[in-house]
Amino acid sequence: MSAETNANEKPPAQSSVPHDDGPRPVPVANPQAAPGSIRNLPWWAWLAVLIGLAIFLWFMLDHFLQVPPV
C-alpha cells in the first residue's frame, strides 16, 4: 500500500453510544490498603466505633470504679 491510499482512508467511525466497561471500582479511604481491609472504613464508621468505645468504657469504669457507700 502506498502513502496515498493510507491518507485517503477514513478512520473507523466512532459510536455515539458509550461502551460499558463494566462496574467501576468503589472509591475507598485508603487505596494502598488491601481490599476488605479495616483501613478502608469511611470516616463515619470510625466515628461510630469511637463513640461505641467511649460508651463501653464509660459504663465499664462506672461499674468497676464505684465508690462503696460509707
N, C-alpha and C. Protein backbone atom coordinates (compact mmCIF):
# COMPACT_ATOMS: atom_id res chain seq x y z
N MET A 1 0.84 -1.19 0.00
CA MET A 1 0.00 0.00 0.00
C MET A 1 0.88 1.24 0.00
N SER A 2 0.43 2.21 -0.72
CA SER A 2 1.21 3.44 -0.78
C SER A 2 0.71 4.43 0.25
N ALA A 3 1.46 5.48 0.47
CA ALA A 3 1.08 6.52 1.42
C ALA A 3 -0.17 7.24 0.94
N GLU A 4 -0.37 7.26 -0.37
CA GLU A 4 -1.54 7.94 -0.92
C GLU A 4 -2.84 7.24 -0.53
N THR A 5 -2.87 5.94 -0.59
CA THR A 5 -4.08 5.21 -0.21
C THR A 5 -4.32 5.29 1.29
N ASN A 6 -3.26 5.30 2.10
CA ASN A 6 -3.43 5.42 3.55
C ASN A 6 -3.98 6.78 3.92
N ALA A 7 -3.60 7.82 3.21
CA ALA A 7 -4.07 9.16 3.50
C ALA A 7 -5.54 9.31 3.16
N ASN A 8 -6.02 8.56 2.17
CA ASN A 8 -7.42 8.67 1.76
C ASN A 8 -8.35 7.83 2.62
N GLU A 9 -7.81 6.88 3.38
CA GLU A 9 -8.66 6.03 4.20
C GLU A 9 -9.18 6.82 5.40
N LYS A 10 -10.43 6.58 5.71
CA LYS A 10 -11.04 7.24 6.87
C LYS A 10 -10.83 6.36 8.11
N PRO A 11 -10.67 7.00 9.25
CA PRO A 11 -10.58 6.20 10.47
C PRO A 11 -11.92 5.53 10.76
N PRO A 12 -11.93 4.45 11.51
CA PRO A 12 -13.21 3.80 11.81
C PRO A 12 -14.16 4.75 12.52
N ALA A 13 -15.43 4.64 12.17
CA ALA A 13 -16.45 5.53 12.75
C ALA A 13 -16.56 5.29 14.26
N GLN A 14 -16.64 6.37 15.00
CA GLN A 14 -16.81 6.28 16.44
C GLN A 14 -18.30 6.17 16.77
N SER A 15 -18.62 5.27 17.64
CA SER A 15 -20.01 5.09 18.04
C SER A 15 -20.41 6.22 18.99
N SER A 16 -21.63 6.71 18.82
CA SER A 16 -22.10 7.77 19.71
C SER A 16 -22.57 7.19 21.05
N VAL A 17 -22.75 5.87 21.10
CA VAL A 17 -23.17 5.22 22.34
C VAL A 17 -21.92 4.85 23.14
N PRO A 18 -21.81 5.32 24.39
CA PRO A 18 -20.61 4.96 25.16
C PRO A 18 -20.60 3.46 25.47
N HIS A 19 -19.42 2.91 25.47
CA HIS A 19 -19.28 1.48 25.76
C HIS A 19 -19.26 1.27 27.27
N ASP A 20 -19.90 0.20 27.68
CA ASP A 20 -19.92 -0.14 29.10
C ASP A 20 -18.70 -1.01 29.40
N ASP A 21 -17.80 -0.48 30.20
CA ASP A 21 -16.59 -1.22 30.55
C ASP A 21 -16.76 -2.05 31.81
N GLY A 22 -17.99 -2.19 32.27
CA GLY A 22 -18.23 -2.97 33.47
C GLY A 22 -18.34 -2.07 34.68
N PRO A 23 -18.45 -2.67 35.85
CA PRO A 23 -18.62 -1.86 37.06
C PRO A 23 -17.35 -1.06 37.36
N ARG A 24 -17.55 0.14 37.83
CA ARG A 24 -16.41 0.98 38.21
C ARG A 24 -15.98 0.62 39.62
N PRO A 25 -14.70 0.77 39.93
CA PRO A 25 -14.24 0.45 41.29
C PRO A 25 -14.82 1.42 42.30
N VAL A 26 -15.12 0.90 43.48
CA VAL A 26 -15.68 1.72 44.55
C VAL A 26 -14.56 2.54 45.17
N PRO A 27 -14.77 3.86 45.33
CA PRO A 27 -13.70 4.64 45.96
C PRO A 27 -13.53 4.24 47.43
N VAL A 28 -12.31 4.19 47.87
CA VAL A 28 -12.01 3.78 49.24
C VAL A 28 -11.21 4.87 49.94
N ALA A 29 -11.18 4.82 51.27
CA ALA A 29 -10.47 5.83 52.03
C ALA A 29 -8.96 5.73 51.83
N ASN A 30 -8.45 4.51 51.74
CA ASN A 30 -7.00 4.31 51.60
C ASN A 30 -6.76 3.32 50.47
N PRO A 31 -6.46 3.82 49.27
CA PRO A 31 -6.30 2.90 48.14
C PRO A 31 -5.09 1.97 48.27
N GLN A 32 -4.13 2.29 49.15
CA GLN A 32 -2.97 1.41 49.30
C GLN A 32 -3.29 0.18 50.16
N ALA A 33 -4.35 0.24 50.94
CA ALA A 33 -4.71 -0.89 51.80
C ALA A 33 -5.31 -2.01 50.96
N ALA A 34 -5.21 -3.20 51.48
CA ALA A 34 -5.75 -4.36 50.77
C ALA A 34 -7.27 -4.27 50.72
N PRO A 35 -7.89 -4.80 49.66
CA PRO A 35 -9.36 -4.78 49.59
C PRO A 35 -9.97 -5.52 50.78
N GLY A 36 -11.00 -4.93 51.37
CA GLY A 36 -11.64 -5.52 52.53
C GLY A 36 -10.93 -5.24 53.83
N SER A 37 -9.88 -4.44 53.79
CA SER A 37 -9.12 -4.13 54.99
C SER A 37 -9.89 -3.17 55.88
N ILE A 38 -9.65 -3.27 57.18
CA ILE A 38 -10.29 -2.35 58.14
C ILE A 38 -9.81 -0.92 57.91
N ARG A 39 -8.67 -0.76 57.26
CA ARG A 39 -8.16 0.58 56.98
C ARG A 39 -8.99 1.30 55.92
N ASN A 40 -9.86 0.59 55.22
CA ASN A 40 -10.68 1.21 54.18
C ASN A 40 -12.04 1.67 54.69
N LEU A 41 -12.24 1.66 56.01
CA LEU A 41 -13.53 2.12 56.54
C LEU A 41 -13.68 3.61 56.33
N PRO A 42 -14.89 4.08 56.00
CA PRO A 42 -15.09 5.53 55.84
C PRO A 42 -15.06 6.23 57.20
N TRP A 43 -14.99 7.57 57.17
CA TRP A 43 -14.82 8.35 58.39
C TRP A 43 -15.98 8.15 59.36
N TRP A 44 -17.20 8.00 58.83
CA TRP A 44 -18.36 7.88 59.72
C TRP A 44 -18.37 6.52 60.43
N ALA A 45 -17.77 5.50 59.83
CA ALA A 45 -17.67 4.20 60.50
C ALA A 45 -16.67 4.29 61.66
N TRP A 46 -15.57 4.99 61.44
CA TRP A 46 -14.60 5.18 62.52
C TRP A 46 -15.22 6.01 63.64
N LEU A 47 -16.02 7.01 63.28
CA LEU A 47 -16.69 7.82 64.30
C LEU A 47 -17.64 6.95 65.14
N ALA A 48 -18.40 6.08 64.48
CA ALA A 48 -19.31 5.18 65.20
C ALA A 48 -18.52 4.25 66.13
N VAL A 49 -17.38 3.75 65.67
CA VAL A 49 -16.55 2.87 66.50
C VAL A 49 -16.05 3.63 67.73
N LEU A 50 -15.58 4.86 67.54
CA LEU A 50 -15.08 5.64 68.67
C LEU A 50 -16.18 5.98 69.67
N ILE A 51 -17.36 6.32 69.18
CA ILE A 51 -18.48 6.61 70.09
C ILE A 51 -18.87 5.36 70.87
N GLY A 52 -18.94 4.22 70.18
CA GLY A 52 -19.25 2.96 70.86
C GLY A 52 -18.21 2.60 71.90
N LEU A 53 -16.94 2.81 71.57
CA LEU A 53 -15.87 2.53 72.53
C LEU A 53 -15.96 3.46 73.74
N ALA A 54 -16.27 4.72 73.52
CA ALA A 54 -16.41 5.67 74.63
C ALA A 54 -17.56 5.28 75.54
N ILE A 55 -18.69 4.87 74.97
CA ILE A 55 -19.84 4.45 75.78
C ILE A 55 -19.49 3.19 76.58
N PHE A 56 -18.83 2.23 75.90
CA PHE A 56 -18.43 1.00 76.57
C PHE A 56 -17.51 1.30 77.75
N LEU A 57 -16.49 2.13 77.52
CA LEU A 57 -15.56 2.46 78.60
C LEU A 57 -16.25 3.22 79.73
N TRP A 58 -17.17 4.11 79.38
CA TRP A 58 -17.91 4.86 80.40
C TRP A 58 -18.64 3.91 81.35
N PHE A 59 -19.36 2.94 80.79
CA PHE A 59 -20.12 2.02 81.63
C PHE A 59 -19.21 1.06 82.39
N MET A 60 -18.11 0.62 81.77
CA MET A 60 -17.18 -0.26 82.47
C MET A 60 -16.52 0.46 83.65
N LEU A 61 -16.06 1.68 83.42
CA LEU A 61 -15.44 2.44 84.50
C LEU A 61 -16.46 2.76 85.59
N ASP A 62 -17.67 3.06 85.18
CA ASP A 62 -18.72 3.36 86.16
C ASP A 62 -19.00 2.13 87.02
N HIS A 63 -18.95 0.96 86.41
CA HIS A 63 -19.25 -0.26 87.14
C HIS A 63 -18.10 -0.68 88.07
N PHE A 64 -16.88 -0.65 87.57
CA PHE A 64 -15.75 -1.18 88.33
C PHE A 64 -15.10 -0.17 89.27
N LEU A 65 -15.35 1.09 89.08
CA LEU A 65 -14.74 2.10 89.94
C LEU A 65 -15.77 2.77 90.84
N GLN A 66 -16.75 2.00 91.27
CA GLN A 66 -17.77 2.56 92.15
C GLN A 66 -17.18 2.81 93.54
N VAL A 67 -17.59 3.91 94.11
CA VAL A 67 -17.17 4.21 95.48
C VAL A 67 -18.16 3.51 96.42
N PRO A 68 -17.66 2.67 97.32
CA PRO A 68 -18.60 1.97 98.21
C PRO A 68 -19.27 2.96 99.16
N PRO A 69 -20.52 2.68 99.51
CA PRO A 69 -21.21 3.58 100.43
C PRO A 69 -20.54 3.57 101.81
N VAL A 70 -20.53 4.70 102.43
CA VAL A 70 -19.88 4.82 103.74
C VAL A 70 -20.89 4.54 104.84
